Amino acid sequence: MNGETASDPNVKEVLVECSKAYEGVTEKLKDSAAALDSKAYGDLTKWVTAAMTGSQKCSEAFKAKPDITSPLADANTEYSKLCNIVFAFFNLLAKS
């Protein structure tokens, strides 16, 4: 974070935004698990897509403050990759 700390108001603001975004992600992933259990593959792709939005919102919040380096950049990238794999897998299931 280039010397910034969570006590910095700008950093704190972005981290709060990320926290809210990921809070929504948790709910979407729970919905995805329920959809998988009931073989509602169309719903699964919808919920995984919605979950992907959470990490995108967090990344965008940091990009809006170019003077702050995101401590979550690597985690967000990995999360997005995993969601893309899951999305592709469930999209195939929905077509079968």
Protein backbone atom coordinates (compact mmCIF):
# COMPACT_ATOMS: atom_id res chain seq x y z
CA MET A 1 0.00 0.00 0.00
CA ASN A 2 2.91 2.38 -0.57
CA GLY A 3 3.15 3.34 3.09
CA GLU A 4 -0.59 3.89 3.51
CA THR A 5 -2.25 2.33 6.52
CA ALA A 6 -5.80 1.36 7.29
CA SER A 7 -5.98 4.41 9.56
CA ASP A 8 -5.57 6.64 6.48
CA PRO A 9 -9.11 7.93 5.73
CA ASN A 10 -8.74 7.28 1.98
CA VAL A 11 -7.56 3.72 2.52
CA LYS A 12 -10.25 3.10 5.10
CA GLU A 13 -12.92 4.39 2.73
CA VAL A 14 -11.87 1.97 0.00
CA LEU A 15 -11.52 -0.96 2.39
CA VAL A 16 -15.05 -0.30 3.68
CA GLU A 17 -16.32 -0.33 0.08
CA CYS A 18 -14.52 -3.64 -0.51
CA SER A 19 -15.94 -5.09 2.68
CA LYS A 20 -19.47 -4.21 1.59
CA ALA A 21 -18.85 -5.61 -1.89
CA TYR A 22 -17.52 -8.89 -0.53
CA GLU A 23 -20.33 -9.13 2.01
CA GLY A 24 -22.70 -9.32 -0.95
CA VAL A 25 -20.44 -11.92 -2.57
CA THR A 26 -20.85 -14.22 0.42
CA GLU A 27 -24.61 -14.19 0.00
CA LYS A 28 -24.35 -14.85 -3.74
CA LEU A 29 -22.06 -17.82 -3.14
CA LYS A 30 -24.54 -19.25 -0.63
CA ASP A 31 -27.27 -18.83 -3.25
CA SER A 32 -25.00 -20.59 -5.77
CA ALA A 33 -24.56 -23.58 -3.46
CA ALA A 34 -28.33 -23.86 -3.04
CA ALA A 35 -28.82 -23.63 -6.81
CA LEU A 36 -26.24 -26.38 -7.34
CA ASP A 37 -28.00 -28.65 -4.84
CA SER A 38 -31.27 -28.22 -6.74
CA LYS A 39 -29.56 -28.47 -10.17
CA ALA A 40 -30.82 -25.00 -11.08
CA TYR A 41 -27.86 -24.40 -13.39
CA GLY A 42 -29.31 -21.26 -14.94
CA ASP A 43 -29.58 -19.73 -11.47
CA LEU A 44 -26.04 -20.86 -10.72
CA THR A 45 -24.57 -18.87 -13.58
CA LYS A 46 -26.61 -15.86 -12.49
CA TRP A 47 -25.35 -16.03 -8.89
CA VAL A 48 -21.72 -16.67 -9.87
CA THR A 49 -21.86 -13.69 -12.21
CA ALA A 50 -23.27 -11.59 -9.37
CA ALA A 51 -20.50 -12.82 -7.06
CA MET A 52 -17.88 -11.80 -9.62
CA THR A 53 -19.25 -8.28 -9.46
CA GLY A 54 -18.13 -7.96 -5.82
CA SER A 55 -14.45 -8.36 -6.60
CA GLN A 56 -14.80 -6.07 -9.60
CA LYS A 57 -16.34 -3.37 -7.40
CA CYS A 58 -13.46 -3.68 -4.96
CA SER A 59 -10.87 -3.43 -7.73
CA GLU A 60 -12.65 -0.42 -9.22
CA ALA A 61 -12.74 1.31 -5.83
CA PHE A 62 -8.95 1.10 -5.60
CA LYS A 63 -8.47 2.14 -9.23
CA ALA A 64 -10.51 5.26 -8.49
CA LYS A 65 -7.77 6.22 -5.98
CA PRO A 66 -4.56 5.82 -8.01
CA ASP A 67 -2.42 7.05 -5.11
CA ILE A 68 -3.39 3.94 -3.12
CA THR A 69 -2.06 0.50 -4.00
CA SER A 70 -4.59 -2.24 -3.45
CA PRO A 71 -3.47 -4.85 -0.92
CA LEU A 72 -6.19 -7.06 -2.39
CA ALA A 73 -5.15 -6.90 -6.05
CA ASP A 74 -3.64 -10.40 -6.21
CA ALA A 75 -6.51 -11.94 -4.25
CA ASN A 76 -9.09 -10.20 -6.45
CA THR A 77 -7.33 -11.45 -9.59
CA GLU A 78 -7.26 -15.04 -8.32
CA TYR A 79 -10.88 -14.81 -7.19
CA SER A 80 -11.93 -13.56 -10.64
CA LYS A 81 -10.07 -16.42 -12.32
CA LEU A 82 -11.76 -18.98 -10.08
CA CYS A 83 -15.18 -17.44 -10.70
CA ASN A 84 -14.56 -17.55 -14.45
CA ILE A 85 -13.74 -21.26 -14.23
CA VAL A 86 -16.83 -21.95 -12.13
CA PHE A 87 -18.95 -19.84 -14.47
CA ALA A 88 -17.71 -21.76 -17.54
CA PHE A 89 -18.28 -25.11 -15.83
CA PHE A 90 -21.83 -24.29 -14.77
CA ASN A 91 -22.59 -22.74 -18.14
CA LEU A 92 -21.72 -26.11 -19.69
CA LEU A 93 -23.96 -27.89 -17.18
CA ALA A 94 -26.82 -25.53 -18.02
CA LYS A 95 -26.52 -26.48 -21.70
CA SER A 96 -26.56 -30.23 -21.03
